Protein backbone atom coordinates (compact mmCIF):
# COMPACT_ATOMS: atom_id res chain seq x y z
CA UNK A 1 0.00 0.00 0.00
CA UNK A 2 2.77 2.43 0.93
CA UNK A 3 4.68 1.70 -2.31
CA UNK A 4 1.52 2.21 -4.36
CA UNK A 5 0.87 5.56 -2.69
CA UNK A 6 4.46 6.71 -3.27
CA UNK A 7 4.33 5.69 -6.94
CA UNK A 8 1.00 7.44 -7.41
CA UNK A 9 2.39 10.57 -5.71
CA UNK A 10 5.43 10.63 -8.02
CA UNK A 11 3.35 10.04 -11.16
CA UNK A 12 0.83 12.73 -10.33
CA UNK A 13 3.30 15.44 -9.40
CA UNK A 14 5.90 14.76 -12.08
CA UNK A 15 3.23 14.37 -14.76
CA UNK A 16 1.75 17.78 -13.95
CA UNK A 17 5.06 19.64 -14.02
CA UNK A 18 6.07 21.77 -16.98
CA UNK A 19 8.76 19.97 -19.02
CA UNK A 20 12.33 21.25 -18.84
CA UNK A 21 13.25 23.84 -21.45
CA UNK A 22 16.31 23.56 -23.69
CA UNK A 23 18.87 26.40 -23.65
CA UNK A 24 17.41 27.68 -26.94
CA UNK A 25 13.90 27.72 -25.49
CA UNK A 26 15.11 29.52 -22.35
CA UNK A 27 16.31 32.45 -24.50
CA UNK A 28 12.90 32.95 -26.14
CA UNK A 29 11.11 36.09 -24.98
CA UNK A 30 7.54 37.32 -25.14
CA UNK A 31 7.37 40.72 -26.81
CA UNK A 32 4.76 43.40 -27.44
CA UNK A 33 6.67 45.68 -29.83
CA UNK A 34 7.58 44.08 -33.17
CA UNK A 35 8.87 47.04 -35.23
CA UNK A 36 12.50 45.83 -35.25
CA UNK A 37 11.62 42.18 -35.78
CA UNK A 38 11.13 39.95 -38.81
CA UNK A 39 7.86 38.00 -38.86
CA UNK A 40 8.32 34.24 -39.40
CA UNK A 41 4.86 32.68 -38.99
CA UNK A 42 1.85 32.23 -36.74
CA UNK A 43 1.27 29.15 -34.61
CA UNK A 44 -1.58 27.69 -32.55
CA UNK A 45 -1.55 25.41 -29.52
CA UNK A 46 -3.71 24.29 -26.60
CA UNK A 47 -2.59 23.73 -23.03
CA UNK A 48 -4.36 22.31 -20.02
CA UNK A 49 -2.84 24.82 -17.58
CA UNK A 50 -1.80 28.48 -18.06
CA UNK A 51 1.60 27.82 -16.48
CA UNK A 52 2.54 25.75 -19.55
CA UNK A 53 1.71 28.48 -22.07
CA UNK A 54 5.20 30.03 -22.19
CA UNK A 55 6.85 26.60 -22.47
CA UNK A 56 4.85 25.65 -25.57
CA UNK A 57 5.18 29.11 -27.11
CA UNK A 58 8.97 28.99 -26.56
CA UNK A 59 9.16 25.47 -27.98
CA UNK A 60 7.24 26.41 -31.14
CA UNK A 61 9.24 29.64 -31.53
CA UNK A 62 12.60 27.86 -31.22
CA UNK A 63 11.49 25.12 -33.65
CA UNK A 64 10.52 27.79 -36.22
CA UNK A 65 13.90 29.53 -35.90
CA UNK A 66 12.60 32.56 -34.01
CA UNK A 67 13.78 34.19 -30.82
CA UNK A 68 10.59 36.02 -29.73
CA UNK A 69 6.83 35.63 -29.86
CA UNK A 70 3.81 37.83 -29.44
CA UNK A 71 0.55 36.45 -28.08
CA UNK A 72 -2.21 37.25 -30.56
CA UNK A 73 -5.14 35.59 -28.78
CA UNK A 74 -5.56 33.45 -25.71
CA UNK A 75 -8.90 32.04 -24.62
CA UNK A 76 -10.30 29.31 -22.46
CA UNK A 77 -12.51 26.74 -24.09
CA UNK A 78 -14.49 23.80 -22.77
CA UNK A 79 -13.87 20.78 -24.96
CA UNK A 80 -15.15 17.34 -23.97
CA UNK A 81 -15.28 18.42 -20.33
CA UNK A 82 -11.59 19.39 -20.26
CA UNK A 83 -10.63 22.98 -19.62
CA UNK A 84 -8.10 24.01 -22.29
CA UNK A 85 -6.41 27.34 -22.93
CA UNK A 86 -6.15 27.99 -26.67
CA UNK A 87 -3.41 30.35 -27.78
CA UNK A 88 -2.36 31.90 -31.09
CA UNK A 89 1.12 33.39 -31.33
CA UNK A 90 3.14 35.25 -33.93
CA UNK A 91 6.77 34.13 -34.14
CA UNK A 92 9.53 36.66 -34.83
CA UNK A 93 13.29 36.89 -35.30
CA UNK A 94 14.42 40.04 -33.48
CA UNK A 95 18.16 39.56 -32.85
PDB file of N, CA and C in Angstrom:
ATOM      1  N   UNK A   1       0.823  -1.189   0.000  1.00  0.00           N
ATOM      2  CA  UNK A   1       0.000   0.000   0.000  1.00  0.00           C
ATOM      3  C   UNK A   1       0.868   1.254   0.000  1.00  0.00           C
ATOM      4  N   UNK A   2       1.896   1.264   0.840  1.00  0.00           N
ATOM      5  CA  UNK A   2       2.767   2.431   0.930  1.00  0.00           C
ATOM      6  C   UNK A   2       3.516   2.656  -0.381  1.00  0.00           C
ATOM      7  N   UNK A   3       3.982   1.573  -1.032  1.00  0.00           N
ATOM      8  CA  UNK A   3       4.685   1.704  -2.309  1.00  0.00           C
ATOM      9  C   UNK A   3       3.745   2.223  -3.388  1.00  0.00           C
ATOM     10  N   UNK A   4       2.499   1.757  -3.375  1.00  0.00           N
ATOM     11  CA  UNK A   4       1.516   2.214  -4.355  1.00  0.00           C
ATOM     12  C   UNK A   4       1.246   3.695  -4.185  1.00  0.00           C
ATOM     13  N   UNK A   5       1.106   4.153  -2.956  1.00  0.00           N
ATOM     14  CA  UNK A   5       0.871   5.563  -2.687  1.00  0.00           C
ATOM     15  C   UNK A   5       2.051   6.412  -3.155  1.00  0.00           C
ATOM     16  N   UNK A   6       3.265   5.966  -2.868  1.00  0.00           N
ATOM     17  CA  UNK A   6       4.463   6.710  -3.275  1.00  0.00           C
ATOM     18  C   UNK A   6       4.556   6.791  -4.792  1.00  0.00           C
ATOM     19  N   UNK A   7       4.287   5.700  -5.478  1.00  0.00           N
ATOM     20  CA  UNK A   7       4.327   5.688  -6.935  1.00  0.00           C
ATOM     21  C   UNK A   7       3.272   6.617  -7.508  1.00  0.00           C
ATOM     22  N   UNK A   8       2.078   6.573  -6.965  1.00  0.00           N
ATOM     23  CA  UNK A   8       1.002   7.444  -7.408  1.00  0.00           C
ATOM     24  C   UNK A   8       1.374   8.907  -7.176  1.00  0.00           C
ATOM     25  N   UNK A   9       1.959   9.210  -6.033  1.00  0.00           N
ATOM     26  CA  UNK A   9       2.390  10.566  -5.712  1.00  0.00           C
ATOM     27  C   UNK A   9       3.407  11.069  -6.742  1.00  0.00           C
ATOM     28  N   UNK A  10       4.391  10.251  -7.053  1.00  0.00           N
ATOM     29  CA  UNK A  10       5.429  10.625  -8.016  1.00  0.00           C
ATOM     30  C   UNK A  10       4.826  10.831  -9.400  1.00  0.00           C
ATOM     31  N   UNK A  11       3.964   9.925  -9.832  1.00  0.00           N
ATOM     32  CA  UNK A  11       3.353  10.039 -11.157  1.00  0.00           C
ATOM     33  C   UNK A  11       2.486  11.279 -11.287  1.00  0.00           C
ATOM     34  N   UNK A  12       1.717  11.569 -10.272  1.00  0.00           N
ATOM     35  CA  UNK A  12       0.828  12.728 -10.325  1.00  0.00           C
ATOM     36  C   UNK A  12       1.626  14.021 -10.364  1.00  0.00           C
ATOM     37  N   UNK A  13       2.594  14.174  -9.487  1.00  0.00           N
ATOM     38  CA  UNK A  13       3.303  15.441  -9.403  1.00  0.00           C
ATOM     39  C   UNK A  13       4.358  15.625 -10.480  1.00  0.00           C
ATOM     40  N   UNK A  14       4.955  14.580 -10.988  1.00  0.00           N
ATOM     41  CA  UNK A  14       5.903  14.757 -12.082  1.00  0.00           C
ATOM     42  C   UNK A  14       5.175  14.872 -13.410  1.00  0.00           C
ATOM     43  N   UNK A  15       4.003  14.271 -13.534  1.00  0.00           N
ATOM     44  CA  UNK A  15       3.226  14.367 -14.762  1.00  0.00           C
ATOM     45  C   UNK A  15       2.596  15.728 -14.947  1.00  0.00           C
ATOM     46  N   UNK A  16       2.386  16.468 -13.880  1.00  0.00           N
ATOM     47  CA  UNK A  16       1.755  17.783 -13.954  1.00  0.00           C
ATOM     48  C   UNK A  16       2.772  18.903 -14.125  1.00  0.00           C
ATOM     49  N   UNK A  17       4.031  18.609 -13.946  1.00  0.00           N
ATOM     50  CA  UNK A  17       5.056  19.638 -14.024  1.00  0.00           C
ATOM     51  C   UNK A  17       5.306  20.048 -15.473  1.00  0.00           C
ATOM     52  N   UNK A  18       5.697  21.298 -15.660  1.00  0.00           N
ATOM     53  CA  UNK A  18       6.070  21.771 -16.981  1.00  0.00           C
ATOM     54  C   UNK A  18       7.398  21.123 -17.365  1.00  0.00           C
ATOM     55  N   UNK A  19       7.513  20.604 -18.585  1.00  0.00           N
ATOM     56  CA  UNK A  19       8.763  19.971 -19.016  1.00  0.00           C
ATOM     57  C   UNK A  19       9.931  20.954 -18.981  1.00  0.00           C
ATOM     58  N   UNK A  20      11.136  20.414 -18.869  1.00  0.00           N
ATOM     59  CA  UNK A  20      12.335  21.248 -18.839  1.00  0.00           C
ATOM     60  C   UNK A  20      12.573  21.876 -20.211  1.00  0.00           C
ATOM     61  N   UNK A  21      12.985  23.126 -20.212  1.00  0.00           N
ATOM     62  CA  UNK A  21      13.249  23.836 -21.451  1.00  0.00           C
ATOM     63  C   UNK A  21      14.700  23.673 -21.856  1.00  0.00           C
ATOM     64  N   UNK A  22      14.947  23.607 -23.167  1.00  0.00           N
ATOM     65  CA  UNK A  22      16.308  23.558 -23.689  1.00  0.00           C
ATOM     66  C   UNK A  22      16.923  24.946 -23.563  1.00  0.00           C
ATOM     67  N   UNK A  23      18.246  25.065 -23.701  1.00  0.00           N
ATOM     68  CA  UNK A  23      18.870  26.400 -23.647  1.00  0.00           C
ATOM     69  C   UNK A  23      18.298  27.357 -24.704  1.00  0.00           C
ATOM     70  N   UNK A  24      18.000  26.839 -25.897  1.00  0.00           N
ATOM     71  CA  UNK A  24      17.413  27.681 -26.943  1.00  0.00           C
ATOM     72  C   UNK A  24      16.043  28.198 -26.523  1.00  0.00           C
ATOM     73  N   UNK A  25      15.245  27.330 -25.922  1.00  0.00           N
ATOM     74  CA  UNK A  25      13.902  27.721 -25.486  1.00  0.00           C
ATOM     75  C   UNK A  25      13.958  28.712 -24.331  1.00  0.00           C
ATOM     76  N   UNK A  26      14.974  28.609 -23.482  1.00  0.00           N
ATOM     77  CA  UNK A  26      15.110  29.518 -22.348  1.00  0.00           C
ATOM     78  C   UNK A  26      15.407  30.946 -22.798  1.00  0.00           C
ATOM     79  N   UNK A  27      15.977  31.120 -23.989  1.00  0.00           N
ATOM     80  CA  UNK A  27      16.312  32.449 -24.496  1.00  0.00           C
ATOM     81  C   UNK A  27      15.163  33.097 -25.263  1.00  0.00           C
ATOM     82  N   UNK A  28      14.058  32.404 -25.439  1.00  0.00           N
ATOM     83  CA  UNK A  28      12.898  32.947 -26.140  1.00  0.00           C
ATOM     84  C   UNK A  28      12.190  33.939 -25.223  1.00  0.00           C
ATOM     85  N   UNK A  29      11.799  35.085 -25.781  1.00  0.00           N
ATOM     86  CA  UNK A  29      11.111  36.093 -24.982  1.00  0.00           C
ATOM     87  C   UNK A  29       9.741  36.407 -25.578  1.00  0.00           C
ATOM     88  N   UNK A  30       8.855  36.846 -24.727  1.00  0.00           N
ATOM     89  CA  UNK A  30       7.540  37.322 -25.144  1.00  0.00           C
ATOM     90  C   UNK A  30       7.672  38.823 -25.350  1.00  0.00           C
ATOM     91  N   UNK A  31       7.220  39.305 -26.502  1.00  0.00           N
ATOM     92  CA  UNK A  31       7.368  40.722 -26.812  1.00  0.00           C
ATOM     93  C   UNK A  31       6.016  41.357 -27.100  1.00  0.00           C
ATOM     94  N   UNK A  32       5.973  42.672 -27.053  1.00  0.00           N
ATOM     95  CA  UNK A  32       4.763  43.397 -27.439  1.00  0.00           C
ATOM     96  C   UNK A  32       5.042  44.318 -28.623  1.00  0.00           C
ATOM     97  N   UNK A  33       6.272  44.789 -28.741  1.00  0.00           N
ATOM     98  CA  UNK A  33       6.667  45.679 -29.831  1.00  0.00           C
ATOM     99  C   UNK A  33       7.443  44.884 -30.881  1.00  0.00           C
ATOM    100  N   UNK A  34       6.981  44.920 -32.121  1.00  0.00           N
ATOM    101  CA  UNK A  34       7.580  44.084 -33.170  1.00  0.00           C
ATOM    102  C   UNK A  34       8.202  44.894 -34.302  1.00  0.00           C
ATOM    103  N   UNK A  35       8.364  46.193 -34.143  1.00  0.00           N
ATOM    104  CA  UNK A  35       8.872  47.041 -35.229  1.00  0.00           C
ATOM    105  C   UNK A  35      10.248  46.625 -35.737  1.00  0.00           C
ATOM    106  N   UNK A  36      11.132  46.194 -34.850  1.00  0.00           N
ATOM    107  CA  UNK A  36      12.499  45.828 -35.246  1.00  0.00           C
ATOM    108  C   UNK A  36      12.669  44.325 -35.451  1.00  0.00           C
ATOM    109  N   UNK A  37      11.567  43.628 -35.668  1.00  0.00           N
ATOM    110  CA  UNK A  37      11.615  42.176 -35.783  1.00  0.00           C
ATOM    111  C   UNK A  37      11.106  41.713 -37.146  1.00  0.00           C
ATOM    112  N   UNK A  38      11.586  40.555 -37.570  1.00  0.00           N
ATOM    113  CA  UNK A  38      11.132  39.951 -38.813  1.00  0.00           C
ATOM    114  C   UNK A  38      10.104  38.870 -38.488  1.00  0.00           C
ATOM    115  N   UNK A  39       8.922  38.975 -39.070  1.00  0.00           N
ATOM    116  CA  UNK A  39       7.861  38.000 -38.856  1.00  0.00           C
ATOM    117  C   UNK A  39       8.246  36.685 -39.528  1.00  0.00           C
ATOM    118  N   UNK A  40       8.050  35.568 -38.828  1.00  0.00           N
ATOM    119  CA  UNK A  40       8.316  34.242 -39.396  1.00  0.00           C
ATOM    120  C   UNK A  40       7.009  33.537 -39.742  1.00  0.00           C
ATOM    121  N   UNK A  41       6.137  33.351 -38.742  1.00  0.00           N
ATOM    122  CA  UNK A  41       4.861  32.679 -38.986  1.00  0.00           C
ATOM    123  C   UNK A  41       3.981  32.775 -37.749  1.00  0.00           C
ATOM    124  N   UNK A  42       2.735  32.344 -37.894  1.00  0.00           N
ATOM    125  CA  UNK A  42       1.848  32.231 -36.743  1.00  0.00           C
ATOM    126  C   UNK A  42       1.754  30.764 -36.356  1.00  0.00           C
ATOM    127  N   UNK A  43       1.410  30.516 -35.106  1.00  0.00           N
ATOM    128  CA  UNK A  43       1.273  29.145 -34.605  1.00  0.00           C
ATOM    129  C   UNK A  43       0.119  29.099 -33.602  1.00  0.00           C
ATOM    130  N   UNK A  44      -0.427  27.916 -33.417  1.00  0.00           N
ATOM    131  CA  UNK A  44      -1.579  27.688 -32.551  1.00  0.00           C
ATOM    132  C   UNK A  44      -1.287  26.490 -31.667  1.00  0.00           C
ATOM    133  N   UNK A  45      -1.681  26.563 -30.401  1.00  0.00           N
ATOM    134  CA  UNK A  45      -1.552  25.406 -29.517  1.00  0.00           C
ATOM    135  C   UNK A  45      -2.575  25.497 -28.404  1.00  0.00           C
ATOM    136  N   UNK A  46      -2.806  24.376 -27.750  1.00  0.00           N
ATOM    137  CA  UNK A  46      -3.708  24.293 -26.599  1.00  0.00           C
ATOM    138  C   UNK A  46      -2.941  23.719 -25.424  1.00  0.00           C
ATOM    139  N   UNK A  47      -3.209  24.252 -24.244  1.00  0.00           N
ATOM    140  CA  UNK A  47      -2.586  23.734 -23.028  1.00  0.00           C
ATOM    141  C   UNK A  47      -3.656  23.533 -21.966  1.00  0.00           C
ATOM    142  N   UNK A  48      -3.395  22.614 -21.069  1.00  0.00           N
ATOM    143  CA  UNK A  48      -4.362  22.315 -20.017  1.00  0.00           C
ATOM    144  C   UNK A  48      -4.189  23.212 -18.792  1.00  0.00           C
ATOM    145  N   UNK A  49      -3.081  23.937 -18.728  1.00  0.00           N
ATOM    146  CA  UNK A  49      -2.841  24.816 -17.579  1.00  0.00           C
ATOM    147  C   UNK A  49      -2.076  26.048 -18.049  1.00  0.00           C
ATOM    148  N   UNK A  50      -2.467  27.244 -17.612  1.00  0.00           N
ATOM    149  CA  UNK A  50      -1.800  28.477 -18.056  1.00  0.00           C
ATOM    150  C   UNK A  50      -0.290  28.509 -17.793  1.00  0.00           C
ATOM    151  N   UNK A  51       0.178  27.805 -16.791  1.00  0.00           N
ATOM    152  CA  UNK A  51       1.605  27.819 -16.484  1.00  0.00           C
ATOM    153  C   UNK A  51       2.440  27.183 -17.594  1.00  0.00           C
ATOM    154  N   UNK A  52       1.822  26.410 -18.458  1.00  0.00           N
ATOM    155  CA  UNK A  52       2.544  25.747 -19.546  1.00  0.00           C
ATOM    156  C   UNK A  52       2.544  26.567 -20.833  1.00  0.00           C
ATOM    157  N   UNK A  53       1.850  27.696 -20.844  1.00  0.00           N
ATOM    158  CA  UNK A  53       1.712  28.479 -22.074  1.00  0.00           C
ATOM    159  C   UNK A  53       3.065  28.974 -22.591  1.00  0.00           C
ATOM    160  N   UNK A  54       3.903  29.537 -21.732  1.00  0.00           N
ATOM    161  CA  UNK A  54       5.205  30.035 -22.194  1.00  0.00           C
ATOM    162  C   UNK A  54       6.082  28.885 -22.698  1.00  0.00           C
ATOM    163  N   UNK A  55       6.036  27.734 -22.033  1.00  0.00           N
ATOM    164  CA  UNK A  55       6.845  26.598 -22.472  1.00  0.00           C
ATOM    165  C   UNK A  55       6.517  26.224 -23.909  1.00  0.00           C
ATOM    166  N   UNK A  56       5.227  26.063 -24.214  1.00  0.00           N
ATOM    167  CA  UNK A  56       4.846  25.645 -25.566  1.00  0.00           C
ATOM    168  C   UNK A  56       5.087  26.753 -26.579  1.00  0.00           C
ATOM    169  N   UNK A  57       4.887  27.997 -26.204  1.00  0.00           N
ATOM    170  CA  UNK A  57       5.179  29.108 -27.112  1.00  0.00           C
ATOM    171  C   UNK A  57       6.680  29.160 -27.406  1.00  0.00           C
ATOM    172  N   UNK A  58       7.510  28.987 -26.380  1.00  0.00           N
ATOM    173  CA  UNK A  58       8.965  28.994 -26.562  1.00  0.00           C
ATOM    174  C   UNK A  58       9.408  27.818 -27.424  1.00  0.00           C
ATOM    175  N   UNK A  59       8.812  26.658 -27.195  1.00  0.00           N
ATOM    176  CA  UNK A  59       9.165  25.471 -27.980  1.00  0.00           C
ATOM    177  C   UNK A  59       8.833  25.684 -29.458  1.00  0.00           C
ATOM    178  N   UNK A  60       7.643  26.182 -29.750  1.00  0.00           N
ATOM    179  CA  UNK A  60       7.241  26.412 -31.141  1.00  0.00           C
ATOM    180  C   UNK A  60       8.085  27.514 -31.782  1.00  0.00           C
ATOM    181  N   UNK A  61       8.417  28.542 -31.015  1.00  0.00           N
ATOM    182  CA  UNK A  61       9.240  29.641 -31.528  1.00  0.00           C
ATOM    183  C   UNK A  61      10.641  29.144 -31.872  1.00  0.00           C
ATOM    184  N   UNK A  62      11.258  28.390 -30.973  1.00  0.00           N
ATOM    185  CA  UNK A  62      12.599  27.857 -31.224  1.00  0.00           C
ATOM    186  C   UNK A  62      12.588  26.911 -32.420  1.00  0.00           C
ATOM    187  N   UNK A  63      11.572  26.057 -32.523  1.00  0.00           N
ATOM    188  CA  UNK A  63      11.488  25.119 -33.647  1.00  0.00           C
ATOM    189  C   UNK A  63      11.331  25.836 -34.989  1.00  0.00           C
ATOM    190  N   UNK A  64      10.724  27.020 -34.979  1.00  0.00           N
ATOM    191  CA  UNK A  64      10.524  27.791 -36.215  1.00  0.00           C
ATOM    192  C   UNK A  64      11.724  28.682 -36.543  1.00  0.00           C
ATOM    193  N   UNK A  65      12.719  28.715 -35.662  1.00  0.00           N
ATOM    194  CA  UNK A  65      13.901  29.535 -35.899  1.00  0.00           C
ATOM    195  C   UNK A  65      13.773  30.964 -35.397  1.00  0.00           C
ATOM    196  N   UNK A  66      12.791  31.224 -34.568  1.00  0.00           N
ATOM    197  CA  UNK A  66      12.598  32.559 -34.012  1.00  0.00           C
ATOM    198  C   UNK A  66      13.243  32.705 -32.655  1.00  0.00           C
ATOM    199  N   UNK A  67      13.240  33.947 -32.157  1.00  0.00           N
ATOM    200  CA  UNK A  67      13.775  34.191 -30.824  1.00  0.00           C
ATOM    201  C   UNK A  67      12.802  34.982 -29.953  1.00  0.00           C
ATOM    202  N   UNK A  68      11.600  35.284 -30.494  1.00  0.00           N
ATOM    203  CA  UNK A  68      10.593  36.020 -29.733  1.00  0.00           C
ATOM    204  C   UNK A  68       9.204  35.681 -30.276  1.00  0.00           C
ATOM    205  N   UNK A  69       8.213  35.847 -29.415  1.00  0.00           N
ATOM    206  CA  UNK A  69       6.835  35.626 -29.857  1.00  0.00           C
ATOM    207  C   UNK A  69       5.928  36.677 -29.242  1.00  0.00           C
ATOM    208  N   UNK A  70       4.831  36.902 -29.925  1.00  0.00           N
ATOM    209  CA  UNK A  70       3.812  37.830 -29.443  1.00  0.00           C
ATOM    210  C   UNK A  70       2.507  37.055 -29.366  1.00  0.00           C
ATOM    211  N   UNK A  71       1.836  37.124 -28.230  1.00  0.00           N
ATOM    212  CA  UNK A  71       0.548  36.446 -28.078  1.00  0.00           C
ATOM    213  C   UNK A  71      -0.502  37.251 -28.833  1.00  0.00           C
ATOM    214  N   UNK A  72      -1.162  36.602 -29.791  1.00  0.00           N
ATOM    215  CA  UNK A  72      -2.211  37.251 -30.561  1.00  0.00           C
ATOM    216  C   UNK A  72      -3.558  37.094 -29.874  1.00  0.00           C
ATOM    217  N   UNK A  73      -3.898  35.858 -29.515  1.00  0.00           N
ATOM    218  CA  UNK A  73      -5.136  35.589 -28.780  1.00  0.00           C
ATOM    219  C   UNK A  73      -4.887  34.469 -27.796  1.00  0.00           C
ATOM    220  N   UNK A  74      -5.618  34.505 -26.711  1.00  0.00           N
ATOM    221  CA  UNK A  74      -5.557  33.454 -25.711  1.00  0.00           C
ATOM    222  C   UNK A  74      -6.937  33.376 -25.072  1.00  0.00           C
ATOM    223  N   UNK A  75      -7.548  32.203 -25.146  1.00  0.00           N
ATOM    224  CA  UNK A  75      -8.902  32.041 -24.620  1.00  0.00           C
ATOM    225  C   UNK A  75      -9.061  30.674 -23.999  1.00  0.00           C
ATOM    226  N   UNK A  76      -9.985  30.600 -23.073  1.00  0.00           N
ATOM    227  CA  UNK A  76     -10.303  29.315 -22.457  1.00  0.00           C
ATOM    228  C   UNK A  76     -11.500  28.724 -23.167  1.00  0.00           C
ATOM    229  N   UNK A  77     -11.466  27.435 -23.353  1.00  0.00           N
ATOM    230  CA  UNK A  77     -12.512  26.743 -24.086  1.00  0.00           C
ATOM    231  C   UNK A  77     -12.847  25.457 -23.340  1.00  0.00           C
ATOM    232  N   UNK A  78     -14.091  25.072 -23.366  1.00  0.00           N
ATOM    233  CA  UNK A  78     -14.489  23.800 -22.766  1.00  0.00           C
ATOM    234  C   UNK A  78     -14.660  22.788 -23.892  1.00  0.00           C
ATOM    235  N   UNK A  79     -13.803  21.799 -23.930  1.00  0.00           N
ATOM    236  CA  UNK A  79     -13.868  20.778 -24.963  1.00  0.00           C
ATOM    237  C   UNK A  79     -13.910  19.413 -24.302  1.00  0.00           C
ATOM    238  N   UNK A  80     -14.955  18.681 -24.513  1.00  0.00           N
ATOM    239  CA  UNK A  80     -15.145  17.341 -23.971  1.00  0.00           C
ATOM    240  C   UNK A  80     -14.915  17.332 -22.456  1.00  0.00           C
ATOM    241  N   UNK A  81     -15.384  18.355 -21.780  1.00  0.00           N
ATOM    242  CA  UNK A  81     -15.280  18.418 -20.330  1.00  0.00           C
ATOM    243  C   UNK A  81     -13.902  18.752 -19.800  1.00  0.00           C
ATOM    244  N   UNK A  82     -12.949  19.056 -20.683  1.00  0.00           N
ATOM    245  CA  UNK A  82     -11.594  19.390 -20.261  1.00  0.00           C
ATOM    246  C   UNK A  82     -11.371  20.875 -20.507  1.00  0.00           C
ATOM    247  N   UNK A  83     -10.892  21.548 -19.503  1.00  0.00           N
ATOM    248  CA  UNK A  83     -10.625  22.977 -19.624  1.00  0.00           C
ATOM    249  C   UNK A  83      -9.285  23.160 -20.339  1.00  0.00           C
ATOM    250  N   UNK A  84      -9.313  23.802 -21.500  1.00  0.00           N
ATOM    251  CA  UNK A  84      -8.098  24.010 -22.285  1.00  0.00           C
ATOM    252  C   UNK A  84      -7.928  25.502 -22.561  1.00  0.00           C
ATOM    253  N   UNK A  85      -6.712  25.969 -22.545  1.00  0.00           N
ATOM    254  CA  UNK A  85      -6.406  27.340 -22.932  1.00  0.00           C
ATOM    255  C   UNK A  85      -5.882  27.303 -24.359  1.00  0.00           C
ATOM    256  N   UNK A  86      -6.584  27.940 -25.272  1.00  0.00           N
ATOM    257  CA  UNK A  86      -6.154  27.993 -26.666  1.00  0.00           C
ATOM    258  C   UNK A  86      -5.391  29.296 -26.888  1.00  0.00           C
ATOM    259  N   UNK A  87      -4.285  29.196 -27.588  1.00  0.00           N
ATOM    260  CA  UNK A  87      -3.410  30.350 -27.779  1.00  0.00           C
ATOM    261  C   UNK A  87      -2.915  30.419 -29.214  1.00  0.00           C
ATOM    262  N   UNK A  88      -2.957  31.614 -29.788  1.00  0.00           N
ATOM    263  CA  UNK A  88      -2.359  31.897 -31.091  1.00  0.00           C
ATOM    264  C   UNK A  88      -1.186  32.845 -30.860  1.00  0.00           C
ATOM    265  N   UNK A  89      -0.057  32.532 -31.470  1.00  0.00           N
ATOM    266  CA  UNK A  89       1.120  33.391 -31.333  1.00  0.00           C
ATOM    267  C   UNK A  89       1.668  33.752 -32.700  1.00  0.00           C
ATOM    268  N   UNK A  90       2.362  34.866 -32.764  1.00  0.00           N
ATOM    269  CA  UNK A  90       3.137  35.250 -33.929  1.00  0.00           C
ATOM    270  C   UNK A  90       4.596  35.081 -33.547  1.00  0.00           C
ATOM    271  N   UNK A  91       5.356  34.426 -34.418  1.00  0.00           N
ATOM    272  CA  UNK A  91       6.768  34.134 -34.141  1.00  0.00           C
ATOM    273  C   UNK A  91       7.639  35.110 -34.919  1.00  0.00           C
ATOM    274  N   UNK A  92       8.657  35.659 -34.226  1.00  0.00           N
ATOM    275  CA  UNK A  92       9.528  36.663 -34.826  1.00  0.00           C
ATOM    276  C   UNK A  92      10.999  36.338 -34.608  1.00  0.00           C
ATOM    277  N   UNK A  93      11.837  36.902 -35.473  1.00  0.00           N
ATOM    278  CA  UNK A  93      13.289  36.892 -35.303  1.00  0.00           C
ATOM    279  C   UNK A  93      13.683  38.328 -35.061  1.00  0.00           C
ATOM    280  N   UNK A  94      14.138  38.647 -33.855  1.00  0.00           N
ATOM    281  CA  UNK A  94      14.416  40.041 -33.478  1.00  0.00           C
ATOM    282  C   UNK A  94      15.904  40.330 -33.296  1.00  0.00           C
ATOM    283  N   UNK A  95      16.717  39.332 -33.127  1.00  0.00           N
ATOM    284  CA  UNK A  95      18.158  39.562 -32.853  1.00  0.00           C
ATOM    285  C   UNK A  95      18.976  39.361 -34.095  1.00  0.00           C
TER     286      UNK A  95
END
